[in-house]
C-alpha atoms as a PDB file:
ATOM      1  CA  MET A   1      -0.063  -0.006   0.074  1.00  0.00           C
ATOM      2  CA  ALA A   2       2.756   2.393   0.897  1.00  0.00           C
ATOM      3  CA  TRP A   3       4.375   2.079  -2.823  1.00  0.00           C
ATOM      4  CA  ILE A   4       0.982   2.880  -4.168  1.00  0.00           C
ATOM      5  CA  LEU A   5       0.593   5.923  -2.018  1.00  0.00           C
ATOM      6  CA  ALA A   6       4.022   7.098  -3.042  1.00  0.00           C
ATOM      7  CA  PHE A   7       3.155   6.613  -6.831  1.00  0.00           C
ATOM      8  CA  VAL A   8       0.106   8.542  -6.534  1.00  0.00           C
ATOM      9  CA  PHE A   9       1.754  11.348  -4.632  1.00  0.00           C
ATOM     10  CA  ALA A  10       4.580  11.672  -7.406  1.00  0.00           C
ATOM     11  CA  ALA A  11       2.067  11.569 -10.081  1.00  0.00           C
ATOM     12  CA  LEU A  12       0.189  14.568  -8.494  1.00  0.00           C
ATOM     13  CA  LEU A  13       3.524  16.502  -7.977  1.00  0.00           C
ATOM     14  CA  ALA A  14       4.427  15.884 -11.766  1.00  0.00           C
ATOM     15  CA  GLY A  15       1.003  17.098 -12.833  1.00  0.00           C
ATOM     16  CA  PRO A  16      -1.206  15.992 -15.414  1.00  0.00           C
ATOM     17  CA  SER A  17       0.439  14.149 -18.411  1.00  0.00           C
ATOM     18  CA  GLY A  18       1.039  16.422 -21.511  1.00  0.00           C
ATOM     19  CA  ALA A  19       0.097  19.561 -19.749  1.00  0.00           C
ATOM     20  CA  GLU A  20       2.799  21.503 -21.379  1.00  0.00           C
ATOM     21  CA  ASP A  21       1.799  20.194 -24.948  1.00  0.00           C
ATOM     22  CA  VAL A  22       0.493  23.037 -27.204  1.00  0.00           C
ATOM     23  CA  GLU A  23      -2.707  22.074 -28.454  1.00  0.00           C
ATOM     24  CA  VAL A  24      -3.178  22.190 -32.328  1.00  0.00           C
ATOM     25  CA  ASP A  25      -5.804  21.215 -34.941  1.00  0.00           C
ATOM     26  CA  VAL A  26      -3.362  18.718 -36.530  1.00  0.00           C
ATOM     27  CA  GLU A  27       0.229  17.358 -36.037  1.00  0.00           C
ATOM     28  CA  LEU A  28       1.240  16.872 -39.744  1.00  0.00           C
ATOM     29  CA  LEU A  29       4.768  15.184 -40.534  1.00  0.00           C
ATOM     30  CA  LEU A  30       5.860  15.478 -44.238  1.00  0.00           C
ATOM     31  CA  ALA A  31       7.956  12.421 -44.948  1.00  0.00           C
ATOM     32  CA  VAL A  32       9.693  12.916 -48.405  1.00  0.00           C
ATOM     33  CA  ASP A  33      11.447  10.388 -50.593  1.00  0.00           C
ATOM     34  CA  VAL A  34      15.153  11.270 -51.148  1.00  0.00           C
ATOM     35  CA  SER A  35      16.369   7.848 -52.154  1.00  0.00           C
ATOM     36  CA  ARG A  36      18.907   7.195 -55.028  1.00  0.00           C
ATOM     37  CA  SER A  37      16.076   6.635 -57.639  1.00  0.00           C
ATOM     38  CA  MET A  38      15.309  10.510 -57.255  1.00  0.00           C
ATOM     39  CA  THR A  39      17.315  12.850 -59.701  1.00  0.00           C
ATOM     40  CA  PRO A  40      18.622  16.196 -58.248  1.00  0.00           C
ATOM     41  CA  ALA A  41      16.135  17.860 -60.392  1.00  0.00           C
ATOM     42  CA  GLU A  42      13.342  15.973 -58.790  1.00  0.00           C
ATOM     43  CA  LEU A  43      14.678  16.541 -55.271  1.00  0.00           C
ATOM     44  CA  GLU A  44      14.461  20.346 -56.016  1.00  0.00           C
ATOM     45  CA  ILE A  45      10.986  19.960 -57.636  1.00  0.00           C
ATOM     46  CA  GLN A  46       9.796  18.352 -54.272  1.00  0.00           C
ATOM     47  CA  ARG A  47      11.161  21.042 -52.147  1.00  0.00           C
ATOM     48  CA  ARG A  48       9.968  23.858 -54.347  1.00  0.00           C
ATOM     49  CA  GLY A  49       6.500  22.308 -54.614  1.00  0.00           C
ATOM     50  CA  TYR A  50       5.991  22.157 -50.762  1.00  0.00           C
ATOM     51  CA  ALA A  51       7.298  25.526 -50.425  1.00  0.00           C
ATOM     52  CA  GLU A  52       4.972  26.915 -53.078  1.00  0.00           C
ATOM     53  CA  ALA A  53       1.988  24.976 -51.579  1.00  0.00           C
ATOM     54  CA  LEU A  54       2.494  26.331 -48.272  1.00  0.00           C
ATOM     55  CA  ARG A  55       2.649  30.023 -49.511  1.00  0.00           C
ATOM     56  CA  SER A  56      -0.794  29.335 -51.264  1.00  0.00           C
ATOM     57  CA  ASP A  57      -3.876  30.985 -50.202  1.00  0.00           C
ATOM     58  CA  GLU A  58      -5.822  27.764 -50.047  1.00  0.00           C
ATOM     59  CA  VAL A  59      -3.343  26.093 -47.703  1.00  0.00           C
ATOM     60  CA  ILE A  60      -3.172  29.306 -45.554  1.00  0.00           C
ATOM     61  CA  SER A  61      -7.059  29.309 -45.191  1.00  0.00           C
ATOM     62  CA  ALA A  62      -7.096  25.582 -44.331  1.00  0.00           C
ATOM     63  CA  LEU A  63      -4.390  25.823 -41.650  1.00  0.00           C
ATOM     64  CA  GLN A  64      -6.326  28.789 -40.129  1.00  0.00           C
ATOM     65  CA  GLY A  65      -9.765  27.341 -40.631  1.00  0.00           C
ATOM     66  CA  GLY A  66      -9.835  24.527 -37.912  1.00  0.00           C
ATOM     67  CA  LEU A  67     -11.316  24.599 -34.441  1.00  0.00           C
ATOM     68  CA  LEU A  68      -7.992  26.173 -32.806  1.00  0.00           C
ATOM     69  CA  GLY A  69      -6.616  27.842 -35.944  1.00  0.00           C
ATOM     70  CA  ARG A  70      -3.184  26.364 -35.576  1.00  0.00           C
ATOM     71  CA  VAL A  71      -1.319  23.418 -36.638  1.00  0.00           C
ATOM     72  CA  ALA A  72       2.166  21.744 -36.138  1.00  0.00           C
ATOM     73  CA  LEU A  73       4.296  20.944 -39.126  1.00  0.00           C
ATOM     74  CA  SER A  74       7.538  19.142 -39.618  1.00  0.00           C
ATOM     75  CA  TYR A  75       9.365  18.219 -42.833  1.00  0.00           C
ATOM     76  CA  VAL A  76      11.567  15.227 -43.090  1.00  0.00           C
ATOM     77  CA  GLU A  77      13.419  13.501 -45.967  1.00  0.00           C
ATOM     78  CA  TRP A  78      14.053   9.768 -45.975  1.00  0.00           C
ATOM     79  CA  ALA A  79      15.497   7.022 -47.824  1.00  0.00           C
ATOM     80  CA  GLY A  80      17.105   3.605 -46.174  1.00  0.00           C
ATOM     81  CA  ALA A  81      16.164   2.179 -42.794  1.00  0.00           C
ATOM     82  CA  GLY A  82      18.288   4.523 -40.847  1.00  0.00           C
ATOM     83  CA  ALA A  83      18.465   7.381 -43.168  1.00  0.00           C
ATOM     84  CA  GLN A  84      15.936  10.227 -42.062  1.00  0.00           C
ATOM     85  CA  ARG A  85      16.922  13.786 -41.843  1.00  0.00           C
ATOM     86  CA  ILE A  86      15.010  16.626 -40.390  1.00  0.00           C
ATOM     87  CA  VAL A  87      14.777  19.559 -42.698  1.00  0.00           C
ATOM     88  CA  VAL A  88      12.446  21.639 -40.668  1.00  0.00           C
ATOM     89  CA  ASP A  89      11.649  20.291 -37.051  1.00  0.00           C
ATOM     90  CA  TRP A  90       8.155  20.712 -35.506  1.00  0.00           C
ATOM     91  CA  THR A  91       6.941  24.372 -35.919  1.00  0.00           C
ATOM     92  CA  LEU A  92       3.822  25.778 -34.727  1.00  0.00           C
ATOM     93  CA  ILE A  93       2.039  27.605 -37.649  1.00  0.00           C
ATOM     94  CA  GLU A  94      -0.891  30.014 -36.908  1.00  0.00           C
ATOM     95  CA  ASP A  95      -0.759  32.653 -39.766  1.00  0.00           C
ATOM     96  CA  ARG A  96       0.608  33.349 -43.190  1.00  0.00           C
ATOM     97  CA  ALA A  97       3.905  34.662 -41.702  1.00  0.00           C
ATOM     98  CA  GLY A  98       4.611  31.426 -40.099  1.00  0.00           C
ATOM     99  CA  ALA A  99       3.610  29.329 -43.127  1.00  0.00           C
ATOM    100  CA  GLU A 100       5.960  31.597 -45.240  1.00  0.00           C
ATOM    101  CA  ALA A 101       8.900  31.291 -42.753  1.00  0.00           C
ATOM    102  CA  PHE A 102       8.387  27.440 -42.863  1.00  0.00           C
ATOM    103  CA  ALA A 103       8.474  27.543 -46.803  1.00  0.00           C
ATOM    104  CA  ALA A 104      11.527  29.670 -46.912  1.00  0.00           C
ATOM    105  CA  LYS A 105      13.608  27.069 -45.043  1.00  0.00           C
ATOM    106  CA  LEU A 106      12.531  24.413 -47.616  1.00  0.00           C
ATOM    107  CA  ASP A 107      14.262  26.737 -50.308  1.00  0.00           C
ATOM    108  CA  THR A 108      17.668  27.031 -48.645  1.00  0.00           C
ATOM    109  CA  GLN A 109      19.503  23.980 -49.877  1.00  0.00           C
ATOM    110  CA  PHE A 110      19.158  20.835 -51.680  1.00  0.00           C
ATOM    111  CA  ASN A 111      21.111  17.657 -50.444  1.00  0.00           C
ATOM    112  CA  PRO A 112      22.100  14.785 -52.653  1.00  0.00           C
ATOM    113  CA  ALA A 113      19.928  11.819 -52.459  1.00  0.00           C
ATOM    114  CA  LEU A 114      20.570   8.712 -50.114  1.00  0.00           C
ATOM    115  CA  ARG A 115      20.448   4.940 -50.910  1.00  0.00           C
ATOM    116  CA  ARG A 116      17.651   2.519 -50.578  1.00  0.00           C
ATOM    117  CA  THR A 117      13.910   2.885 -49.815  1.00  0.00           C
ATOM    118  CA  SER A 118      12.362   2.346 -46.253  1.00  0.00           C
ATOM    119  CA  ILE A 119       8.871   3.312 -46.075  1.00  0.00           C
ATOM    120  CA  THR A 120       9.052   1.204 -42.895  1.00  0.00           C
ATOM    121  CA  GLY A 121      11.751   3.365 -41.389  1.00  0.00           C
ATOM    122  CA  ALA A 122       9.902   6.689 -42.435  1.00  0.00           C
ATOM    123  CA  ILE A 123       6.734   5.631 -40.771  1.00  0.00           C
ATOM    124  CA  ALA A 124       8.595   4.423 -37.598  1.00  0.00           C
ATOM    125  CA  PHE A 125      10.479   7.621 -37.468  1.00  0.00           C
ATOM    126  CA  GLY A 126       7.420   9.555 -38.134  1.00  0.00           C
ATOM    127  CA  ARG A 127       5.567   7.732 -35.219  1.00  0.00           C
ATOM    128  CA  GLU A 128       8.300   8.374 -32.793  1.00  0.00           C
ATOM    129  CA  SER A 129       8.473  12.041 -33.825  1.00  0.00           C
ATOM    130  CA  LEU A 130       4.844  12.598 -33.280  1.00  0.00           C
ATOM    131  CA  ASN A 131       4.997  10.813 -29.815  1.00  0.00           C
ATOM    132  CA  GLY A 132       7.847  12.816 -28.686  1.00  0.00           C
ATOM    133  CA  ASN A 133       6.957  16.404 -29.817  1.00  0.00           C
ATOM    134  CA  ALA A 134       5.632  19.255 -27.782  1.00  0.00           C
ATOM    135  CA  PHE A 135       2.226  19.359 -29.278  1.00  0.00           C
ATOM    136  CA  ALA A 136      -1.282  17.826 -28.561  1.00  0.00           C
ATOM    137  CA  GLY A 137      -3.133  17.452 -32.057  1.00  0.00           C
ATOM    138  CA  LEU A 138      -6.757  16.621 -32.416  1.00  0.00           C
ATOM    139  CA  ARG A 139      -5.409  14.652 -35.385  1.00  0.00           C
ATOM    140  CA  ARG A 140      -2.204  13.343 -35.974  1.00  0.00           C
ATOM    141  CA  VAL A 141      -0.927  12.583 -39.585  1.00  0.00           C
ATOM    142  CA  ILE A 142       2.113  11.264 -41.508  1.00  0.00           C
ATOM    143  CA  ASP A 143       2.341  11.940 -45.209  1.00  0.00           C
ATOM    144  CA  ILE A 144       4.510   9.790 -47.234  1.00  0.00           C
ATOM    145  CA  SER A 145       5.624  10.555 -50.617  1.00  0.00           C
ATOM    146  CA  GLY A 146       7.851   8.303 -52.639  1.00  0.00           C
ATOM    147  CA  ASP A 147       8.611   6.735 -56.132  1.00  0.00           C
ATOM    148  CA  GLY A 148       8.818   3.116 -55.121  1.00  0.00           C
ATOM    149  CA  PRO A 149       7.872   0.366 -52.721  1.00  0.00           C
ATOM    150  CA  ASN A 150       9.599  -0.517 -49.265  1.00  0.00           C
ATOM    151  CA  ASN A 151      12.671  -2.468 -49.935  1.00  0.00           C
ATOM    152  CA  GLN A 152      14.442  -2.372 -46.526  1.00  0.00           C
ATOM    153  CA  GLY A 153      13.703  -2.108 -42.657  1.00  0.00           C
ATOM    154  CA  GLY A 154      11.086  -4.922 -42.257  1.00  0.00           C
ATOM    155  CA  LEU A 155       7.515  -5.252 -43.279  1.00  0.00           C
ATOM    156  CA  VAL A 156       5.940  -1.968 -44.035  1.00  0.00           C
ATOM    157  CA  THR A 157       2.596  -3.260 -43.060  1.00  0.00           C
ATOM    158  CA  LEU A 158       3.711  -3.926 -39.448  1.00  0.00           C
ATOM    159  CA  ALA A 159       5.036  -0.290 -39.216  1.00  0.00           C
ATOM    160  CA  ARG A 160       1.863   1.006 -40.678  1.00  0.00           C
ATOM    161  CA  ASP A 161      -0.420  -1.041 -38.342  1.00  0.00           C
ATOM    162  CA  ARG A 162       1.586  -0.032 -35.359  1.00  0.00           C
ATOM    163  CA  ALA A 163       1.173   3.721 -36.199  1.00  0.00           C
ATOM    164  CA  VAL A 164      -2.669   3.378 -37.016  1.00  0.00           C
ATOM    165  CA  ALA A 165      -3.082   1.536 -33.610  1.00  0.00           C
ATOM    166  CA  GLU A 166      -1.834   4.708 -32.066  1.00  0.00           C
ATOM    167  CA  GLY A 167      -4.449   6.899 -33.670  1.00  0.00           C
ATOM    168  CA  ILE A 168      -1.830   8.182 -36.490  1.00  0.00           C
ATOM    169  CA  VAL A 169      -3.335   8.500 -39.912  1.00  0.00           C
ATOM    170  CA  ILE A 170      -1.034   7.685 -42.871  1.00  0.00           C
ATOM    171  CA  ASN A 171      -1.752   9.308 -46.318  1.00  0.00           C
ATOM    172  CA  GLY A 172       0.138   8.732 -49.587  1.00  0.00           C
ATOM    173  CA  LEU A 173       1.628  10.644 -52.303  1.00  0.00           C
ATOM    174  CA  PRO A 174       3.000   8.007 -54.876  1.00  0.00           C
ATOM    175  CA  LEU A 175       5.268   9.628 -57.637  1.00  0.00           C
ATOM    176  CA  MET A 176       4.529   7.695 -60.754  1.00  0.00           C
ATOM    177  CA  THR A 177       6.587  10.091 -63.014  1.00  0.00           C
ATOM    178  CA  VAL A 178       8.273   7.653 -65.380  1.00  0.00           C
ATOM    179  CA  GLU A 179      10.012   9.886 -67.792  1.00  0.00           C
ATOM    180  CA  VAL A 180      12.062   7.206 -69.324  1.00  0.00           C
ATOM    181  CA  PRO A 181      11.351   3.525 -70.417  1.00  0.00           C
ATOM    182  CA  ARG A 182      10.496   1.371 -67.252  1.00  0.00           C
ATOM    183  CA  SER A 183      13.733   0.199 -65.416  1.00  0.00           C
ATOM    184  CA  ARG A 184      14.146  -3.073 -63.653  1.00  0.00           C
ATOM    185  CA  TRP A 185      13.508  -1.022 -60.443  1.00  0.00           C
ATOM    186  CA  HIS A 186      10.193   0.334 -61.591  1.00  0.00           C
ATOM    187  CA  LEU A 187       6.819  -0.944 -60.030  1.00  0.00           C
ATOM    188  CA  ASP A 188       3.646  -0.384 -62.201  1.00  0.00           C
ATOM    189  CA  ASP A 189       0.532   0.529 -60.161  1.00  0.00           C
ATOM    190  CA  LEU A 190       2.679   2.192 -57.467  1.00  0.00           C
ATOM    191  CA  ASP A 191      -0.663   3.740 -56.256  1.00  0.00           C
ATOM    192  CA  ILE A 192      -2.183   0.313 -55.696  1.00  0.00           C
ATOM    193  CA  TYR A 193       0.889  -0.644 -53.756  1.00  0.00           C
ATOM    194  CA  TYR A 194       0.374   2.543 -51.452  1.00  0.00           C
ATOM    195  CA  ARG A 195      -3.325   1.641 -51.049  1.00  0.00           C
ATOM    196  CA  THR A 196      -2.768  -1.787 -50.163  1.00  0.00           C
ATOM    197  CA  CYS A 197       0.357  -1.746 -48.055  1.00  0.00           C
ATOM    198  CA  VAL A 198       1.285   1.842 -46.808  1.00  0.00           C
ATOM    199  CA  ILE A 199      -1.765   4.132 -45.964  1.00  0.00           C
ATOM    200  CA  GLY A 200      -4.078   3.642 -42.977  1.00  0.00           C
ATOM    201  CA  GLY A 201      -6.302   5.102 -40.408  1.00  0.00           C
ATOM    202  CA  PRO A 202      -9.674   6.839 -40.666  1.00  0.00           C
ATOM    203  CA  GLY A 203     -10.129   8.881 -43.912  1.00  0.00           C
ATOM    204  CA  SER A 204      -6.530   8.001 -45.179  1.00  0.00           C
ATOM    205  CA  PHE A 205      -6.099   8.532 -48.936  1.00  0.00           C
ATOM    206  CA  VAL A 206      -3.579   8.300 -51.921  1.00  0.00           C
ATOM    207  CA  ILE A 207      -3.085  11.094 -54.356  1.00  0.00           C
ATOM    208  CA  PRO A 208      -0.854   9.833 -57.290  1.00  0.00           C
ATOM    209  CA  VAL A 209       1.409  12.213 -59.114  1.00  0.00           C
ATOM    210  CA  THR A 210       1.984  11.046 -62.745  1.00  0.00           C
ATOM    211  CA  SER A 211       3.754  14.222 -64.049  1.00  0.00           C
ATOM    212  CA  TRP A 212       6.149  16.455 -62.206  1.00  0.00           C
ATOM    213  CA  ALA A 213       4.335  19.475 -63.863  1.00  0.00           C
ATOM    214  CA  ASP A 214       1.425  18.596 -61.572  1.00  0.00           C
ATOM    215  CA  PHE A 215       3.374  17.928 -58.445  1.00  0.00           C
ATOM    216  CA  ALA A 216       2.786  21.389 -56.790  1.00  0.00           C
ATOM    217  CA  GLN A 217      -0.875  21.322 -57.461  1.00  0.00           C
ATOM    218  CA  ALA A 218      -1.167  17.747 -55.983  1.00  0.00           C
ATOM    219  CA  VAL A 219       0.929  18.900 -52.908  1.00  0.00           C
ATOM    220  CA  ARG A 220      -1.468  21.766 -52.425  1.00  0.00           C
ATOM    221  CA  ARG A 221      -4.468  19.646 -52.692  1.00  0.00           C
ATOM    222  CA  LYS A 222      -3.213  17.071 -50.312  1.00  0.00           C
ATOM    223  CA  LEU A 223      -2.227  19.606 -47.643  1.00  0.00           C
ATOM    224  CA  VAL A 224      -5.617  21.358 -47.703  1.00  0.00           C
ATOM    225  CA  LEU A 225      -7.447  17.899 -47.388  1.00  0.00           C
ATOM    226  CA  GLU A 226      -5.101  17.085 -44.475  1.00  0.00           C
ATOM    227  CA  LEU A 227      -5.315  20.203 -42.630  1.00  0.00           C
ATOM    228  CA  VAL A 228      -9.266  20.438 -42.852  1.00  0.00           C
ATOM    229  CA  GLY A 229      -9.446  16.682 -42.071  1.00  0.00           C
ATOM    230  CA  THR A 230     -11.410  15.430 -45.208  1.00  0.00           C
ATOM    231  CA  SER A 231     -10.650  12.760 -47.988  1.00  0.00           C
ATOM    232  CA  PRO A 232     -10.792  13.334 -51.601  1.00  0.00           C
ATOM    233  CA  ALA A 233     -13.535  12.062 -53.709  1.00  0.00           C
ATOM    234  CA  PRO A 234     -12.699   8.634 -55.112  1.00  0.00           C
ATOM    235  CA  THR A 235     -11.242   8.811 -58.690  1.00  0.00           C
ATOM    236  CA  PRO A 236     -12.411   5.901 -60.811  1.00  0.00           C
ATOM    237  CA  ARG A 237      -9.495   4.042 -62.281  1.00  0.00           C
ATOM    238  CA  PRO A 238      -9.316   1.012 -64.272  1.00  0.00           C
ATOM    239  CA  VAL A 239      -7.301  -1.578 -62.411  1.00  0.00           C
ATOM    240  CA  GLN A 240      -5.403  -4.070 -64.808  1.00  0.00           C
ATOM    241  CA  TYR A 241      -3.071  -6.144 -62.473  1.00  0.00           C
ATOM    242  CA  ARG A 242      -0.010  -7.120 -64.691  1.00  0.00           C
ATOM    243  CA  PRO A 243       0.848 -10.639 -64.728  1.00  0.00           C
ATOM    244  CA  GLY A 244       4.169 -11.627 -63.693  1.00  0.00           C
ATOM    245  CA  PRO A 245       6.705 -11.225 -60.984  1.00  0.00           C
ATOM    246  CA  ASN A 246       5.853  -7.434 -59.957  1.00  0.00           C
ATOM    247  CA  ASP A 247       2.344  -7.535 -58.392  1.00  0.00           C
ATOM    248  CA  ALA A 248       1.646  -4.111 -56.806  1.00  0.00           C
ATOM    249  CA  ARG A 249      -0.800  -5.979 -54.276  1.00  0.00           C
ATOM    250  CA  ASP A 250       2.199  -7.934 -52.882  1.00  0.00           C
ATOM    251  CA  CYS A 251       3.447  -5.964 -49.757  1.00  0.00           C
ATOM    252  CA  GLN A 252       7.018  -7.402 -50.121  1.00  0.00           C
ATOM    253  CA  ILE A 253       7.493  -6.714 -53.907  1.00  0.00           C
ATOM    254  CA  GLY A 254       9.938  -4.101 -53.082  1.00  0.00           C
ATOM    255  CA  GLU A 255      12.236  -6.408 -51.202  1.00  0.00           C
ATOM    256  CA  LYS A 256      11.819  -9.072 -53.854  1.00  0.00           C
ATOM    257  CA  ILE A 257      12.780  -6.451 -56.694  1.00  0.00           C
ATOM    258  CA  TRP A 258      15.738  -5.476 -54.616  1.00  0.00           C
ATOM    259  CA  GLU A 259      16.942  -9.022 -54.106  1.00  0.00           C
ATOM    260  CA  ARG A 260      16.577  -9.595 -57.897  1.00  0.00           C
ATOM    261  CA  ASN A 261      18.795  -6.664 -58.848  1.00  0.00           C
ATOM    262  CA  ARG A 262      20.906  -5.959 -55.648  1.00  0.00           C
ATOM    263  CA  GLY A 263      24.080  -6.834 -57.633  1.00  0.00           C
ATOM    264  CA  ILE A 264      23.788  -3.999 -60.031  1.00  0.00           C
ATOM    265  CA  TRP A 265      25.143  -1.288 -57.647  1.00  0.00           C
ATOM    266  CA  GLY A 266      27.607  -3.632 -56.120  1.00  0.00           C
ATOM    267  CA  THR A 267      26.100  -3.551 -52.910  1.00  0.00           C
ATOM    268  CA  PRO A 268      25.111  -6.470 -50.745  1.00  0.00           C
END
């Protein structure tokens, strides 16, 4: 009994859990692919696209239109299982000045791409970041953009399910911008892979990008939907699963593609 009383007394002294956290409408972590398959030009398009979207009237209106009128935002670039770098850490945004200051940080520098593709690692990093920041959001969202399936770090479905079980929504922005003939690394129907294996939680959605010219517009639309807490209307898409070794419904297809082609880069 004495140890129980001591525990209760210590808890009272510590105060309510999360009392110092700043309440926001949404905690949104933007997790952006910078793996080796991304060219320097594509890396720049991504940063510029997010910066442009954050400066848009639509996004400013959305971030101020919630119950509290403020959001917490972080921008992270990711590649392999242990390769995540914080470009802009968690930031409270309440007005246009805050959004433009965040966007300005995205315009400063563009780092070289990293190797491998671990959506698993990106989700795990995002979940820990959301759990450890100084904000308490009415909603918590991880936004994953990438141009290929997971190929490192363990099953992506396990990482997704763990995050969703903690009340985190995962949305997807699959980059399906094939400018050259399909390589041996390419996965057709990446959007189907994202829908099947990556996204999760109430109202989660996928917005495919099929042309880099449409990237900024897609990001702007995605941010507005995430900030206001709605999902896009479903877009009819004829599904024609291609027979053969690369089935987009297989949540381990990225690992299988890597195993088949791992000798190309001279890496184990």
